[in-house]
Amino acid sequence: MIAAVSFNPVLERVLTVHKFRVGDKNYCDTVSEVPSGFGITAARVINKLGEKVEVCSLLGQTSGELIRKKLLKERIPCHYFEIKEASRFVATVFDEFERQSTMVAIDPSPQVTLEEMAGFQQVLNQCVVKSDLILIGGSLPKGLPDDTYMRLVKKFKAVGKKVILDTSGQGLNLSPAGSPFMLKMNLTEARACSGQKLENQNEIRAFGSSLHSRGVDIVAITLGKAGAIAVCSRGTVVAVPPRIEAVNGYGSGDAFVAGFAVGLVRGKPIDECIWLATSCGVANALTLLPGQVHTRTIKKLYPRIEVRWLESALTT
């Protein structure tokens, strides 16, 4: 079973308009409401792929209850600790004329107390015991220290659990005893974490190798339309997706993590994991709602994605 941890979930309202006009009235053609945010979007994709997944989340007030109920309708179990402040709302507008999505409003993050975090830790512990793989990532809510994720990684690693950490690099303090099994960043996050421009494949690969040498088994860096690079003990593998007309790219990084996680729990080699991960990320960009991928679309994308190894084994 895969545990998907969502510290800062959102209830996302997706609105479609024929042509969005700034400073004018915009009448919606359709309105959809779906839980999202890291952990939840990933769990939705994992569920679509047929693997068992459970969400662990901090939920607050009416919006939090709606998130829980909507997940249950999708048959995704949600273990949660109730916080005092409300979970976030987000509004995303899809312009049908321009064929692009814009996140136009994001509620402030709720404030989480250390007492609430201690309660959530108990919920997490119960979920982690039965998990084969744990996904952690996304933005931290207000009130929690920057090293929250790294402390959890170290705790779970100490009891033999594998963690995929999707992080911007904030609070990242890697060591052999406290490094995640897999670390995923996008290119913007990798540049901020490294302090480098990372303008070409060799520079990105070198940065990934430096993180790998600090105890991370797999380092995956997503490159948007250019695909993804993963560094592991065997070497560096690259996935290049086909050109597509994206509908909504929000959540594609989470879908990538979901596909990689499914590949890992199925015992697939790294090149097959990044193949599935990239297929899921692209499939997500073709859908209006985050994580609502179609397995038939993922299968159709497989032969259109180029996966290749760049080098032999790393020396660390």
Protein backbone atom coordinates (compact mmCIF):
# COMPACT_ATOMS: atom_id res chain seq x y z
CA MET A 1 0.00 0.00 0.00
CA ILE A 2 1.12 3.56 -0.75
CA ALA A 3 0.55 6.32 1.79
CA ALA A 4 0.13 9.79 0.27
CA VAL A 5 0.66 12.54 2.84
CA SER A 6 -1.05 15.88 2.21
CA PHE A 7 -0.10 18.62 4.66
CA ASN A 8 -1.76 21.49 2.83
CA PRO A 9 -4.68 20.16 0.75
CA VAL A 10 -7.02 22.34 -1.27
CA LEU A 11 -10.58 22.20 -2.54
CA GLU A 12 -10.10 23.30 -6.12
CA ARG A 13 -12.88 24.91 -8.14
CA VAL A 14 -12.20 24.61 -11.87
CA LEU A 15 -14.17 27.01 -14.07
CA THR A 16 -14.30 27.02 -17.86
CA VAL A 17 -15.03 30.22 -19.80
CA HIS A 18 -15.19 30.76 -23.55
CA LYS A 19 -12.72 33.65 -23.49
CA PHE A 20 -11.34 35.13 -20.27
CA ARG A 21 -11.41 38.94 -20.18
CA VAL A 22 -9.50 40.84 -17.52
CA GLY A 23 -11.55 43.65 -15.99
CA ASP A 24 -14.84 42.33 -17.40
CA LYS A 25 -17.56 39.88 -16.43
CA ASN A 26 -16.69 36.28 -17.22
CA TYR A 27 -19.58 33.81 -17.35
CA CYS A 28 -18.70 30.17 -16.71
CA ASP A 29 -19.67 27.36 -19.05
CA THR A 30 -18.88 24.66 -16.47
CA VAL A 31 -17.88 24.52 -12.80
CA SER A 32 -16.23 21.52 -11.16
CA GLU A 33 -15.00 21.08 -7.59
CA VAL A 34 -12.31 18.55 -6.74
CA PRO A 35 -9.83 17.97 -3.89
CA SER A 36 -6.23 18.55 -4.94
CA GLY A 37 -2.78 19.47 -3.70
CA PHE A 38 0.19 17.16 -3.32
CA GLY A 39 -0.75 13.80 -1.86
CA ILE A 40 -4.35 14.00 -2.98
CA THR A 41 -3.65 14.47 -6.70
CA ALA A 42 -0.97 11.77 -6.52
CA ALA A 43 -3.35 9.43 -4.69
CA ARG A 44 -6.00 9.95 -7.37
CA VAL A 45 -3.56 8.90 -10.10
CA ILE A 46 -2.35 5.89 -8.11
CA ASN A 47 -5.97 4.85 -7.60
CA LYS A 48 -6.62 5.18 -11.35
CA LEU A 49 -3.63 2.91 -11.99
CA GLY A 50 -5.18 0.23 -9.79
CA GLU A 51 -2.82 0.32 -6.80
CA LYS A 52 -3.97 0.59 -3.20
CA VAL A 53 -3.45 4.05 -1.75
CA GLU A 54 -4.55 5.93 1.35
CA VAL A 55 -4.36 9.66 2.04
CA CYS A 56 -3.14 11.10 5.35
CA SER A 57 -4.03 14.77 5.72
CA LEU A 58 -4.61 17.79 7.92
CA LEU A 59 -8.19 18.97 7.33
CA GLY A 60 -10.04 21.95 8.72
CA GLN A 61 -13.64 23.19 8.92
CA THR A 62 -16.23 22.90 6.12
CA SER A 63 -13.70 22.84 3.27
CA GLY A 64 -11.80 20.03 5.00
CA GLU A 65 -14.97 17.99 5.44
CA LEU A 66 -15.84 18.46 1.76
CA ILE A 67 -12.37 17.23 0.79
CA ARG A 68 -12.84 14.10 2.91
CA LYS A 69 -16.31 13.34 1.53
CA LYS A 70 -15.26 13.84 -2.08
CA LEU A 71 -12.29 11.50 -1.61
CA LEU A 72 -14.59 8.84 -0.18
CA LYS A 73 -16.78 9.14 -3.29
CA GLU A 74 -13.66 8.36 -5.31
CA ARG A 75 -13.05 5.36 -3.02
CA ILE A 76 -9.82 6.83 -1.70
CA PRO A 77 -9.55 6.33 2.09
CA CYS A 78 -8.56 9.48 3.97
CA HIS A 79 -7.05 9.41 7.46
CA TYR A 80 -7.02 12.90 8.91
CA PHE A 81 -6.49 15.07 11.93
CA GLU A 82 -8.88 17.98 12.26
CA ILE A 83 -7.31 21.42 12.65
CA LYS A 84 -8.96 24.62 13.83
CA GLU A 85 -8.42 26.72 10.70
CA ALA A 86 -10.04 26.00 7.33
CA SER A 87 -8.39 24.04 4.53
CA ARG A 88 -7.68 26.13 1.45
CA PHE A 89 -9.89 26.92 -1.54
CA VAL A 90 -8.34 27.44 -4.98
CA ALA A 91 -9.95 28.73 -8.19
CA THR A 92 -8.58 27.74 -11.60
CA VAL A 93 -9.96 29.22 -14.83
CA PHE A 94 -9.64 27.41 -18.15
CA ASP A 95 -9.86 29.73 -21.15
CA GLU A 96 -11.39 27.64 -23.95
CA PHE A 97 -10.36 30.14 -26.65
CA GLU A 98 -6.70 30.39 -25.62
CA ARG A 99 -6.59 26.76 -24.42
CA GLN A 100 -4.79 27.62 -21.20
CA SER A 101 -5.44 27.40 -17.46
CA THR A 102 -4.71 30.06 -14.85
CA MET A 103 -4.87 29.66 -11.09
CA VAL A 104 -6.52 32.96 -10.21
CA ALA A 105 -7.11 32.69 -6.46
CA ILE A 106 -5.43 30.70 -3.70
CA ASP A 107 -6.55 30.98 -0.10
CA PRO A 108 -3.89 31.61 2.56
CA SER A 109 -2.47 28.52 4.18
CA PRO A 110 -4.08 27.55 7.49
CA GLN A 111 -2.04 28.03 10.66
CA VAL A 112 -1.19 24.66 12.21
CA THR A 113 -0.15 24.51 15.85
CA LEU A 114 2.53 22.17 17.18
CA GLU A 115 -0.20 20.45 19.22
CA GLU A 116 -2.17 19.78 16.03
CA MET A 117 0.98 18.47 14.37
CA ALA A 118 1.53 16.10 17.30
CA GLY A 119 -2.00 14.78 16.83
CA PHE A 120 -1.45 14.37 13.10
CA GLN A 121 1.77 12.48 13.83
CA GLN A 122 -0.29 9.80 15.58
CA VAL A 123 -2.52 9.48 12.51
CA LEU A 124 0.56 9.25 10.30
CA ASN A 125 2.15 6.57 12.45
CA GLN A 126 -0.90 4.32 12.11
CA CYS A 127 -0.98 4.74 8.33
CA VAL A 128 2.77 4.31 7.82
CA VAL A 129 2.90 0.95 9.63
CA LYS A 130 0.96 -0.75 6.82
CA SER A 131 2.60 1.16 3.96
CA ASP A 132 5.20 -0.06 1.47
CA LEU A 133 5.97 3.45 0.23
CA ILE A 134 5.28 6.95 1.60
CA LEU A 135 4.82 10.10 -0.47
CA ILE A 136 5.53 13.45 1.20
CA GLY A 137 5.61 16.88 -0.38
CA GLY A 138 3.90 20.09 -1.33
CA SER A 139 3.88 23.34 0.59
CA LEU A 140 3.94 23.29 4.38
CA PRO A 141 1.11 25.05 6.20
CA LYS A 142 1.94 28.04 8.38
CA GLY A 143 3.22 27.27 11.85
CA LEU A 144 5.35 24.23 10.99
CA PRO A 145 9.17 24.46 10.87
CA ASP A 146 11.01 24.19 7.56
CA ASP A 147 12.63 20.90 8.57
CA THR A 148 9.29 19.12 9.18
CA TYR A 149 9.62 16.92 6.10
CA MET A 150 13.23 15.96 6.80
CA ARG A 151 12.39 14.99 10.39
CA LEU A 152 9.61 12.74 9.11
CA VAL A 153 11.89 11.20 6.47
CA LYS A 154 14.47 10.37 9.13
CA LYS A 155 11.81 8.92 11.44
CA PHE A 156 10.28 6.71 8.75
CA LYS A 157 13.65 5.63 7.38
CA ALA A 158 14.68 4.50 10.86
CA VAL A 159 11.83 1.95 10.84
CA GLY A 160 12.68 0.70 7.34
CA LYS A 161 10.18 2.69 5.29
CA LYS A 162 10.91 4.13 1.86
CA VAL A 163 9.92 7.75 1.27
CA ILE A 164 9.51 9.76 -1.93
CA LEU A 165 9.98 13.43 -1.06
CA ASP A 166 8.74 16.07 -3.50
CA THR A 167 10.33 19.27 -2.28
CA SER A 168 11.40 22.75 -3.30
CA GLY A 169 14.58 22.21 -1.30
CA GLN A 170 13.43 24.28 1.68
CA GLY A 171 14.74 22.70 4.87
CA LEU A 172 16.60 20.07 2.84
CA ASN A 173 19.38 18.59 4.96
CA LEU A 174 20.58 15.32 3.48
CA SER A 175 22.57 12.68 5.31
CA PRO A 176 22.89 8.90 4.94
CA ALA A 177 20.61 8.41 7.96
CA GLY A 178 18.06 11.03 6.95
CA SER A 179 17.81 11.04 3.16
CA PRO A 180 14.66 9.96 1.34
CA PHE A 181 14.71 6.94 -0.95
CA MET A 182 13.70 9.24 -3.80
CA LEU A 183 13.86 13.01 -4.13
CA LYS A 184 11.82 14.80 -6.79
CA MET A 185 12.12 18.45 -7.82
CA ASN A 186 11.11 20.49 -10.81
CA LEU A 187 13.73 22.51 -12.67
CA THR A 188 12.82 25.81 -10.99
CA GLU A 189 13.17 24.19 -7.57
CA ALA A 190 16.45 22.51 -8.55
CA ARG A 191 17.88 25.85 -9.66
CA ALA A 192 16.87 27.50 -6.39
CA CYS A 193 18.25 24.61 -4.33
CA SER A 194 21.57 24.43 -6.19
CA GLY A 195 22.07 28.16 -6.66
CA GLN A 196 23.00 27.35 -10.26
CA LYS A 197 21.38 28.13 -13.62
CA LEU A 198 21.31 24.44 -14.68
CA GLU A 199 21.03 25.40 -18.34
CA ASN A 200 21.84 22.05 -19.93
CA GLN A 201 21.56 18.33 -19.41
CA ASN A 202 25.09 17.92 -18.08
CA GLU A 203 24.60 20.57 -15.39
CA ILE A 204 21.27 19.05 -14.31
CA ARG A 205 22.82 15.59 -14.24
CA ALA A 206 25.76 16.83 -12.14
CA PHE A 207 23.40 18.41 -9.62
CA GLY A 208 21.35 15.21 -9.42
CA SER A 209 24.55 13.20 -8.93
CA SER A 210 25.60 15.46 -6.05
CA LEU A 211 22.31 14.75 -4.26
CA HIS A 212 22.63 11.04 -5.00
CA SER A 213 26.09 11.02 -3.41
CA ARG A 214 24.52 12.38 -0.20
CA GLY A 215 22.39 9.29 0.33
CA VAL A 216 19.40 9.67 -2.01
CA ASP A 217 18.85 6.46 -4.02
CA ILE A 218 16.93 8.17 -6.84
CA VAL A 219 16.95 11.86 -7.76
CA ALA A 220 14.30 12.86 -10.30
CA ILE A 221 14.15 16.34 -11.81
CA THR A 222 11.19 17.19 -14.01
CA LEU A 223 11.81 19.61 -16.89
CA GLY A 224 8.29 20.56 -17.96
CA LYS A 225 7.76 20.06 -21.70
CA ALA A 226 11.32 18.73 -22.01
CA GLY A 227 10.57 15.68 -19.84
CA ALA A 228 12.58 14.44 -16.87
CA ILE A 229 15.98 13.21 -15.72
CA ALA A 230 16.56 10.61 -13.01
CA VAL A 231 19.91 9.79 -11.37
CA CYS A 232 20.46 6.51 -9.55
CA SER A 233 23.24 3.99 -8.90
CA ARG A 234 23.02 2.62 -12.43
CA GLY A 235 23.48 6.05 -14.01
CA THR A 236 21.27 8.74 -15.51
CA VAL A 237 18.09 8.07 -17.43
CA VAL A 238 16.20 10.65 -19.49
CA ALA A 239 12.55 10.66 -20.57
CA VAL A 240 11.47 12.89 -23.45
CA PRO A 241 7.69 13.28 -23.95
CA PRO A 242 5.88 14.08 -27.20
CA ARG A 243 4.60 17.55 -27.97
CA ILE A 244 1.02 17.99 -26.82
CA GLU A 245 -1.63 20.69 -26.57
CA ALA A 246 -1.90 20.91 -22.80
CA VAL A 247 -5.24 21.64 -21.15
CA ASN A 248 -4.20 22.05 -17.52
CA GLY A 249 -0.65 21.43 -16.34
CA TYR A 250 -1.39 21.90 -12.65
CA GLY A 251 -0.73 18.65 -10.79
CA SER A 252 1.41 17.07 -13.51
CA GLY A 253 4.39 16.92 -11.15
CA ASP A 254 2.23 15.09 -8.62
CA ALA A 255 1.06 12.71 -11.35
CA PHE A 256 4.72 12.07 -12.25
CA VAL A 257 5.44 11.12 -8.62
CA ALA A 258 2.39 8.85 -8.61
CA GLY A 259 3.52 6.99 -11.71
CA PHE A 260 7.05 6.57 -10.38
CA ALA A 261 5.65 5.28 -7.05
CA VAL A 262 3.47 2.71 -8.81
CA GLY A 263 6.44 1.52 -10.83
CA LEU A 264 8.52 1.12 -7.67
CA VAL A 265 5.90 -0.87 -5.72
CA ARG A 266 5.50 -3.13 -8.75
CA GLY A 267 9.24 -3.81 -8.72
CA LYS A 268 9.92 -2.21 -12.10
CA PRO A 269 13.44 -1.02 -13.10
CA ILE A 270 14.13 2.73 -12.99
CA ASP A 271 13.80 3.26 -16.74
CA GLU A 272 10.32 1.73 -16.69
CA CYS A 273 9.41 3.79 -13.62
CA ILE A 274 10.32 7.07 -15.34
CA TRP A 275 8.48 5.89 -18.44
CA LEU A 276 5.26 5.40 -16.47
CA ALA A 277 5.86 8.58 -14.46
CA THR A 278 6.29 10.70 -17.59
CA SER A 279 3.22 9.13 -19.19
CA CYS A 280 1.17 10.02 -16.10
CA GLY A 281 2.49 13.59 -16.05
CA VAL A 282 1.63 14.14 -19.71
CA ALA A 283 -1.77 12.44 -19.32
CA ASN A 284 -2.55 14.82 -16.46
CA ALA A 285 -1.72 17.85 -18.63
CA LEU A 286 -4.33 16.61 -21.12
CA THR A 287 -7.13 16.65 -18.54
CA LEU A 288 -9.04 19.57 -17.09
CA LEU A 289 -9.19 18.30 -13.50
CA PRO A 290 -6.00 17.45 -11.53
CA GLY A 291 -5.25 13.75 -11.38
CA GLN A 292 -8.22 12.68 -13.52
CA VAL A 293 -6.00 10.70 -15.88
CA HIS A 294 -7.29 7.98 -18.17
CA THR A 295 -5.40 4.69 -18.26
CA ARG A 296 -6.06 4.36 -22.00
CA THR A 297 -4.37 7.73 -22.54
CA ILE A 298 -1.35 6.61 -20.49
CA LYS A 299 -1.05 3.44 -22.58
CA LYS A 300 -1.28 5.42 -25.83
CA LEU A 301 1.48 7.76 -24.67
CA TYR A 302 3.96 4.98 -23.90
CA PRO A 303 5.30 4.44 -27.44
CA ARG A 304 5.54 8.23 -27.95
CA ILE A 305 7.90 8.75 -25.00
CA GLU A 306 11.62 8.29 -25.57
CA VAL A 307 13.56 6.84 -22.62
CA ARG A 308 17.34 6.38 -22.74
CA TRP A 309 20.32 5.96 -20.42
CA LEU A 310 23.03 8.59 -20.67
CA GLU A 311 25.87 6.87 -18.87
CA SER A 312 27.10 3.79 -17.06
CA ALA A 313 27.12 3.42 -13.29
CA LEU A 314 27.98 6.40 -11.14
CA THR A 315 31.08 6.42 -9.01
CA THR A 316 30.27 7.90 -5.60
